[in-house]
């Protein structure tokens, strides 16, 4: 490359070494692989819904909430559900309340909602987190699964493992 005496574009935008930005408090802003700079305290909005579009929702999460669970219990395994559990203030059902129906089993505490039209399970009300919403990451719009870190959860032995799951999700919601 020929030197023209001009500074590279990056030097014009970021003239200081990275540790000066850290000192200035700009450490909150992290570059993502897709080139977007993101504030680690900022909420990220995802939109999603069922297959036919009758049920639509929005979920806002922090970067720390990008760790999700892949449960091996009978219903989650059959549905292919990937769990993003959020408090209700981070979830908004945009349309389709009248298109949802509910399935319960075992204790009847979990309310497994699904679309009456297409049968998809975009979210439900989990037994593990009463009052919270469990979003199926596979029902988010676009190809966003790679944004999430998937952790196995032993739902076959749910009673022995649920307390650790609750503690982890509550700490993520507070950060």
C-alpha atoms as a PDB file:
ATOM      1  CA  UNK A   1       0.000   0.000   0.000  1.00  0.00           C
ATOM      2  CA  UNK A   2       1.333   3.386  -0.969  1.00  0.00           C
ATOM      3  CA  UNK A   3       1.782   5.951   1.809  1.00  0.00           C
ATOM      4  CA  UNK A   4       0.048   9.221   1.044  1.00  0.00           C
ATOM      5  CA  UNK A   5       0.783  11.053   4.271  1.00  0.00           C
ATOM      6  CA  UNK A   6      -2.864  10.713   5.311  1.00  0.00           C
ATOM      7  CA  UNK A   7      -3.926   8.944   8.490  1.00  0.00           C
ATOM      8  CA  UNK A   8      -5.871   5.708   8.099  1.00  0.00           C
ATOM      9  CA  UNK A   9      -9.620   6.011   8.598  1.00  0.00           C
ATOM     10  CA  UNK A  10      -9.487   4.096  11.922  1.00  0.00           C
ATOM     11  CA  UNK A  11      -6.920   6.542  13.305  1.00  0.00           C
ATOM     12  CA  UNK A  12      -9.237   9.448  12.560  1.00  0.00           C
ATOM     13  CA  UNK A  13     -12.140   7.785  14.364  1.00  0.00           C
ATOM     14  CA  UNK A  14     -10.144   6.268  17.225  1.00  0.00           C
ATOM     15  CA  UNK A  15      -6.989   8.362  17.642  1.00  0.00           C
ATOM     16  CA  UNK A  16      -6.252   7.092  21.158  1.00  0.00           C
ATOM     17  CA  UNK A  17      -4.995   3.703  22.237  1.00  0.00           C
ATOM     18  CA  UNK A  18      -7.710   1.385  23.649  1.00  0.00           C
ATOM     19  CA  UNK A  19      -6.619   1.882  27.275  1.00  0.00           C
ATOM     20  CA  UNK A  20      -7.400   5.616  27.048  1.00  0.00           C
ATOM     21  CA  UNK A  21     -10.972   4.774  26.073  1.00  0.00           C
ATOM     22  CA  UNK A  22     -11.130   2.420  29.016  1.00  0.00           C
ATOM     23  CA  UNK A  23      -9.905   5.214  31.279  1.00  0.00           C
ATOM     24  CA  UNK A  24     -12.471   7.612  29.821  1.00  0.00           C
ATOM     25  CA  UNK A  25     -15.304   5.238  30.652  1.00  0.00           C
ATOM     26  CA  UNK A  26     -15.974   4.240  27.087  1.00  0.00           C
ATOM     27  CA  UNK A  27     -15.482   0.588  28.018  1.00  0.00           C
ATOM     28  CA  UNK A  28     -19.268   0.245  28.079  1.00  0.00           C
ATOM     29  CA  UNK A  29     -19.291   0.390  24.296  1.00  0.00           C
ATOM     30  CA  UNK A  30     -18.302  -2.901  22.735  1.00  0.00           C
ATOM     31  CA  UNK A  31     -17.898  -3.607  19.013  1.00  0.00           C
ATOM     32  CA  UNK A  32     -19.803  -6.641  17.795  1.00  0.00           C
ATOM     33  CA  UNK A  33     -18.699  -8.956  15.011  1.00  0.00           C
ATOM     34  CA  UNK A  34     -21.340  -7.471  12.689  1.00  0.00           C
ATOM     35  CA  UNK A  35     -19.714  -4.050  13.101  1.00  0.00           C
ATOM     36  CA  UNK A  36     -22.394  -2.543  15.338  1.00  0.00           C
ATOM     37  CA  UNK A  37     -21.196  -0.836  18.496  1.00  0.00           C
ATOM     38  CA  UNK A  38     -23.336  -1.722  21.445  1.00  0.00           C
ATOM     39  CA  UNK A  39     -23.665  -0.231  24.920  1.00  0.00           C
ATOM     40  CA  UNK A  40     -23.498  -3.148  27.385  1.00  0.00           C
ATOM     41  CA  UNK A  41     -26.178  -1.447  29.510  1.00  0.00           C
ATOM     42  CA  UNK A  42     -28.507  -0.923  26.551  1.00  0.00           C
ATOM     43  CA  UNK A  43     -31.535  -3.123  25.976  1.00  0.00           C
ATOM     44  CA  UNK A  44     -31.610  -5.000  22.671  1.00  0.00           C
ATOM     45  CA  UNK A  45     -35.031  -5.412  21.085  1.00  0.00           C
ATOM     46  CA  UNK A  46     -35.907  -8.662  19.358  1.00  0.00           C
ATOM     47  CA  UNK A  47     -39.193  -9.272  17.581  1.00  0.00           C
ATOM     48  CA  UNK A  48     -40.750 -12.635  17.003  1.00  0.00           C
ATOM     49  CA  UNK A  49     -43.899 -14.650  16.653  1.00  0.00           C
ATOM     50  CA  UNK A  50     -45.535 -17.818  15.535  1.00  0.00           C
ATOM     51  CA  UNK A  51     -45.236 -19.337  12.054  1.00  0.00           C
ATOM     52  CA  UNK A  52     -48.441 -17.881  10.586  1.00  0.00           C
ATOM     53  CA  UNK A  53     -47.921 -14.395  12.068  1.00  0.00           C
ATOM     54  CA  UNK A  54     -51.122 -14.321  14.131  1.00  0.00           C
ATOM     55  CA  UNK A  55     -49.066 -14.045  17.346  1.00  0.00           C
ATOM     56  CA  UNK A  56     -46.382 -11.331  17.450  1.00  0.00           C
ATOM     57  CA  UNK A  57     -44.249 -10.222  20.378  1.00  0.00           C
ATOM     58  CA  UNK A  58     -41.233  -8.130  21.321  1.00  0.00           C
ATOM     59  CA  UNK A  59     -38.625  -8.960  23.942  1.00  0.00           C
ATOM     60  CA  UNK A  60     -35.963  -6.558  25.215  1.00  0.00           C
ATOM     61  CA  UNK A  61     -32.841  -8.034  26.769  1.00  0.00           C
ATOM     62  CA  UNK A  62     -29.424  -6.930  27.930  1.00  0.00           C
ATOM     63  CA  UNK A  63     -26.245  -8.420  26.481  1.00  0.00           C
ATOM     64  CA  UNK A  64     -25.874 -10.525  29.654  1.00  0.00           C
ATOM     65  CA  UNK A  65     -29.188 -12.227  28.872  1.00  0.00           C
ATOM     66  CA  UNK A  66     -27.847 -13.852  25.710  1.00  0.00           C
ATOM     67  CA  UNK A  67     -27.156 -17.094  27.580  1.00  0.00           C
ATOM     68  CA  UNK A  68     -30.080 -19.456  27.025  1.00  0.00           C
ATOM     69  CA  UNK A  69     -31.040 -22.981  28.026  1.00  0.00           C
ATOM     70  CA  UNK A  70     -31.699 -26.086  25.956  1.00  0.00           C
ATOM     71  CA  UNK A  71     -33.827 -28.287  28.207  1.00  0.00           C
ATOM     72  CA  UNK A  72     -34.004 -32.063  27.760  1.00  0.00           C
ATOM     73  CA  UNK A  73     -37.396 -32.611  29.435  1.00  0.00           C
ATOM     74  CA  UNK A  74     -40.073 -34.384  27.408  1.00  0.00           C
ATOM     75  CA  UNK A  75     -42.024 -31.331  26.209  1.00  0.00           C
ATOM     76  CA  UNK A  76     -39.044 -29.057  25.490  1.00  0.00           C
ATOM     77  CA  UNK A  77     -37.200 -31.788  23.621  1.00  0.00           C
ATOM     78  CA  UNK A  78     -40.231 -32.500  21.430  1.00  0.00           C
ATOM     79  CA  UNK A  79     -40.900 -28.786  20.770  1.00  0.00           C
ATOM     80  CA  UNK A  80     -37.255 -27.845  20.216  1.00  0.00           C
ATOM     81  CA  UNK A  81     -37.716 -25.003  22.690  1.00  0.00           C
ATOM     82  CA  UNK A  82     -34.664 -22.831  23.479  1.00  0.00           C
ATOM     83  CA  UNK A  83     -35.365 -20.897  26.679  1.00  0.00           C
ATOM     84  CA  UNK A  84     -34.938 -17.148  27.103  1.00  0.00           C
ATOM     85  CA  UNK A  85     -36.619 -16.440  30.446  1.00  0.00           C
ATOM     86  CA  UNK A  86     -37.413 -12.770  31.088  1.00  0.00           C
ATOM     87  CA  UNK A  87     -39.367 -10.718  33.630  1.00  0.00           C
ATOM     88  CA  UNK A  88     -42.694  -9.402  32.306  1.00  0.00           C
ATOM     89  CA  UNK A  89     -41.464  -5.823  31.870  1.00  0.00           C
ATOM     90  CA  UNK A  90     -39.097  -7.083  29.157  1.00  0.00           C
ATOM     91  CA  UNK A  91     -41.869  -8.754  27.128  1.00  0.00           C
ATOM     92  CA  UNK A  92     -44.643  -7.233  25.044  1.00  0.00           C
ATOM     93  CA  UNK A  93     -47.333  -9.295  23.309  1.00  0.00           C
ATOM     94  CA  UNK A  94     -48.037  -7.113  20.266  1.00  0.00           C
ATOM     95  CA  UNK A  95     -50.840  -9.106  18.631  1.00  0.00           C
ATOM     96  CA  UNK A  96     -52.572 -12.436  18.939  1.00  0.00           C
ATOM     97  CA  UNK A  97     -53.786 -12.721  22.522  1.00  0.00           C
ATOM     98  CA  UNK A  98     -57.085 -14.006  21.094  1.00  0.00           C
ATOM     99  CA  UNK A  99     -55.200 -16.595  18.969  1.00  0.00           C
ATOM    100  CA  UNK A 100     -53.391 -18.211  21.915  1.00  0.00           C
ATOM    101  CA  UNK A 101     -54.524 -21.342  23.668  1.00  0.00           C
ATOM    102  CA  UNK A 102     -52.921 -23.006  26.665  1.00  0.00           C
ATOM    103  CA  UNK A 103     -51.743 -26.519  27.430  1.00  0.00           C
ATOM    104  CA  UNK A 104     -50.892 -27.665  30.954  1.00  0.00           C
ATOM    105  CA  UNK A 105     -49.697 -30.964  32.371  1.00  0.00           C
ATOM    106  CA  UNK A 106     -48.161 -32.417  35.539  1.00  0.00           C
ATOM    107  CA  UNK A 107     -48.597 -29.727  38.256  1.00  0.00           C
ATOM    108  CA  UNK A 108     -50.507 -27.398  35.895  1.00  0.00           C
ATOM    109  CA  UNK A 109     -48.318 -24.475  36.982  1.00  0.00           C
ATOM    110  CA  UNK A 110     -46.589 -23.904  33.641  1.00  0.00           C
ATOM    111  CA  UNK A 111     -48.904 -22.423  31.023  1.00  0.00           C
ATOM    112  CA  UNK A 112     -47.674 -23.625  27.632  1.00  0.00           C
ATOM    113  CA  UNK A 113     -49.208 -21.204  25.142  1.00  0.00           C
ATOM    114  CA  UNK A 114     -49.422 -21.936  21.457  1.00  0.00           C
ATOM    115  CA  UNK A 115     -51.050 -20.408  18.387  1.00  0.00           C
ATOM    116  CA  UNK A 116     -54.461 -21.892  17.587  1.00  0.00           C
ATOM    117  CA  UNK A 117     -53.857 -21.308  13.874  1.00  0.00           C
ATOM    118  CA  UNK A 118     -50.384 -22.780  13.223  1.00  0.00           C
ATOM    119  CA  UNK A 119     -49.619 -24.619  16.481  1.00  0.00           C
ATOM    120  CA  UNK A 120     -46.288 -22.868  17.192  1.00  0.00           C
ATOM    121  CA  UNK A 121     -45.125 -22.348  20.787  1.00  0.00           C
ATOM    122  CA  UNK A 122     -43.473 -18.900  20.702  1.00  0.00           C
ATOM    123  CA  UNK A 123     -43.509 -18.366  24.493  1.00  0.00           C
ATOM    124  CA  UNK A 124     -45.054 -19.646  27.698  1.00  0.00           C
ATOM    125  CA  UNK A 125     -45.380 -18.940  31.420  1.00  0.00           C
ATOM    126  CA  UNK A 126     -42.856 -21.224  33.148  1.00  0.00           C
ATOM    127  CA  UNK A 127     -43.214 -23.153  36.363  1.00  0.00           C
ATOM    128  CA  UNK A 128     -39.605 -22.311  37.236  1.00  0.00           C
ATOM    129  CA  UNK A 129     -40.193 -18.529  37.223  1.00  0.00           C
ATOM    130  CA  UNK A 130     -43.782 -17.684  38.228  1.00  0.00           C
ATOM    131  CA  UNK A 131     -44.891 -14.410  36.679  1.00  0.00           C
ATOM    132  CA  UNK A 132     -42.071 -14.400  34.103  1.00  0.00           C
ATOM    133  CA  UNK A 133     -42.212 -15.251  30.393  1.00  0.00           C
ATOM    134  CA  UNK A 134     -40.131 -17.918  28.664  1.00  0.00           C
ATOM    135  CA  UNK A 135     -39.512 -16.985  25.021  1.00  0.00           C
ATOM    136  CA  UNK A 136     -38.608 -19.621  22.448  1.00  0.00           C
ATOM    137  CA  UNK A 137     -35.480 -18.173  20.807  1.00  0.00           C
ATOM    138  CA  UNK A 138     -36.275 -20.249  17.718  1.00  0.00           C
ATOM    139  CA  UNK A 139     -39.357 -18.028  17.243  1.00  0.00           C
ATOM    140  CA  UNK A 140     -37.390 -14.757  17.074  1.00  0.00           C
ATOM    141  CA  UNK A 141     -37.314 -13.064  13.674  1.00  0.00           C
ATOM    142  CA  UNK A 142     -34.254 -13.420  11.485  1.00  0.00           C
ATOM    143  CA  UNK A 143     -31.191 -15.566  11.870  1.00  0.00           C
ATOM    144  CA  UNK A 144     -30.351 -14.553  15.452  1.00  0.00           C
ATOM    145  CA  UNK A 145     -29.567 -17.894  17.090  1.00  0.00           C
ATOM    146  CA  UNK A 146     -25.827 -17.275  16.728  1.00  0.00           C
ATOM    147  CA  UNK A 147     -26.227 -14.201  18.995  1.00  0.00           C
ATOM    148  CA  UNK A 148     -26.957 -16.555  21.895  1.00  0.00           C
ATOM    149  CA  UNK A 149     -24.836 -18.911  23.965  1.00  0.00           C
ATOM    150  CA  UNK A 150     -26.723 -22.189  24.454  1.00  0.00           C
ATOM    151  CA  UNK A 151     -26.326 -24.103  27.722  1.00  0.00           C
ATOM    152  CA  UNK A 152     -27.795 -27.542  28.392  1.00  0.00           C
ATOM    153  CA  UNK A 153     -30.332 -27.783  31.221  1.00  0.00           C
ATOM    154  CA  UNK A 154     -31.185 -31.144  32.780  1.00  0.00           C
ATOM    155  CA  UNK A 155     -34.960 -30.858  32.781  1.00  0.00           C
ATOM    156  CA  UNK A 156     -35.356 -34.615  33.095  1.00  0.00           C
ATOM    157  CA  UNK A 157     -34.184 -34.038  36.681  1.00  0.00           C
ATOM    158  CA  UNK A 158     -36.013 -30.709  36.969  1.00  0.00           C
ATOM    159  CA  UNK A 159     -36.546 -30.703  40.745  1.00  0.00           C
ATOM    160  CA  UNK A 160     -32.812 -31.134  41.428  1.00  0.00           C
ATOM    161  CA  UNK A 161     -31.765 -28.378  38.977  1.00  0.00           C
ATOM    162  CA  UNK A 162     -34.423 -25.664  39.038  1.00  0.00           C
ATOM    163  CA  UNK A 163     -32.934 -23.618  41.895  1.00  0.00           C
ATOM    164  CA  UNK A 164     -29.679 -23.095  39.985  1.00  0.00           C
ATOM    165  CA  UNK A 165     -31.680 -22.021  36.914  1.00  0.00           C
ATOM    166  CA  UNK A 166     -33.719 -19.521  38.944  1.00  0.00           C
ATOM    167  CA  UNK A 167     -30.640 -17.998  40.540  1.00  0.00           C
ATOM    168  CA  UNK A 168     -28.869 -17.637  37.203  1.00  0.00           C
ATOM    169  CA  UNK A 169     -31.810 -15.965  35.455  1.00  0.00           C
ATOM    170  CA  UNK A 170     -32.522 -13.596  38.334  1.00  0.00           C
ATOM    171  CA  UNK A 171     -28.892 -12.439  38.363  1.00  0.00           C
ATOM    172  CA  UNK A 172     -28.984 -11.901  34.552  1.00  0.00           C
ATOM    173  CA  UNK A 173     -32.138  -9.792  34.847  1.00  0.00           C
ATOM    174  CA  UNK A 174     -30.507  -7.552  37.471  1.00  0.00           C
ATOM    175  CA  UNK A 175     -27.350  -6.931  35.436  1.00  0.00           C
END
